[in-house]
Amino acid sequence: MRTHDEIMEKVNYYKQKLADAMQEKEEFSTTCYPELDLIIFSLVDKLEALLWVLEIDLPEGDILDRIVGLNH
């Protein structure tokens, strides 16, 4: 089993990759690059799973809740 520190290293790695991808999307918003959206969604999914393992609560009211009004 991995240690808390090893998991946090992965969390920080994915956070940096997500920040880079978001910056790239913002800079090249006029360019059609659908793979970048998949990368962003994948990184968010990975982060959510790791935070769940660490029992760290996610912020309330994410964008999906605001758009669709779902409670999950």
Protein backbone atom coordinates (compact mmCIF):
# COMPACT_ATOMS: atom_id res chain seq x y z
CA MET A 1 0.00 0.00 0.00
CA ARG A 2 1.23 3.50 -0.77
CA THR A 3 2.00 6.00 1.93
CA HIS A 4 0.16 9.28 2.45
CA ASP A 5 3.23 11.17 1.20
CA GLU A 6 3.41 9.12 -2.00
CA ILE A 7 -0.23 9.81 -2.73
CA MET A 8 0.22 13.53 -2.00
CA GLU A 9 3.12 13.58 -4.48
CA LYS A 10 0.75 12.21 -7.13
CA VAL A 11 -1.92 14.74 -6.14
CA ASN A 12 0.55 17.59 -6.52
CA TYR A 13 1.80 16.18 -9.84
CA TYR A 14 -1.74 15.96 -11.22
CA LYS A 15 -2.59 19.42 -9.91
CA GLN A 16 0.38 20.88 -11.78
CA LYS A 17 -0.54 19.00 -14.96
CA LEU A 18 -4.13 20.25 -14.63
CA ALA A 19 -2.95 23.84 -14.16
CA ASP A 20 -0.74 23.50 -17.25
CA ALA A 21 -3.59 22.06 -19.30
CA MET A 22 -5.98 24.79 -18.19
CA GLN A 23 -3.43 27.46 -19.07
CA GLU A 24 -2.88 25.88 -22.47
CA LYS A 25 -6.63 25.76 -23.08
CA GLU A 26 -6.95 29.42 -22.12
CA GLU A 27 -4.08 30.49 -24.38
CA PHE A 28 -5.27 28.50 -27.38
CA SER A 29 -9.03 28.78 -26.93
CA THR A 30 -9.52 29.60 -30.60
CA THR A 31 -7.83 26.37 -31.68
CA CYS A 32 -9.93 23.24 -31.83
CA TYR A 33 -8.13 20.71 -29.66
CA PRO A 34 -10.73 18.32 -28.19
CA GLU A 35 -8.03 16.02 -26.79
CA LEU A 36 -7.13 18.76 -24.32
CA ASP A 37 -10.63 18.62 -22.85
CA LEU A 38 -10.26 14.86 -22.38
CA ILE A 39 -6.92 15.39 -20.66
CA ILE A 40 -8.47 17.94 -18.31
CA PHE A 41 -11.41 15.68 -17.47
CA SER A 42 -9.06 12.75 -16.92
CA LEU A 43 -6.84 14.75 -14.56
CA VAL A 44 -9.86 15.95 -12.58
CA ASP A 45 -11.06 12.36 -12.29
CA LYS A 46 -7.64 11.17 -11.09
CA LEU A 47 -7.46 13.96 -8.53
CA GLU A 48 -10.94 13.21 -7.25
CA ALA A 49 -10.05 9.53 -6.79
CA LEU A 50 -6.82 10.31 -4.94
CA LEU A 51 -8.51 12.84 -2.69
CA TRP A 52 -11.21 10.27 -1.94
CA VAL A 53 -8.51 7.78 -0.91
CA LEU A 54 -6.99 10.42 1.36
CA GLU A 55 -10.46 11.19 2.74
CA ILE A 56 -10.13 14.86 1.77
CA ASP A 57 -13.52 16.45 1.08
CA LEU A 58 -14.03 18.17 -2.22
CA PRO A 59 -15.44 21.69 -2.27
CA GLU A 60 -19.23 21.88 -2.20
CA GLY A 61 -21.16 23.08 -5.22
CA ASP A 62 -18.99 22.10 -8.15
CA ILE A 63 -19.75 23.39 -11.63
CA LEU A 64 -21.90 20.37 -12.49
CA ASP A 65 -24.11 21.05 -9.48
CA ARG A 66 -24.55 24.64 -10.57
CA ILE A 67 -25.34 23.81 -14.19
CA VAL A 68 -27.56 20.78 -13.77
CA GLY A 69 -28.70 21.12 -10.18
CA LEU A 70 -27.74 17.53 -9.32
CA ASN A 71 -26.98 16.35 -5.81
CA HIS A 72 -24.47 13.55 -5.60
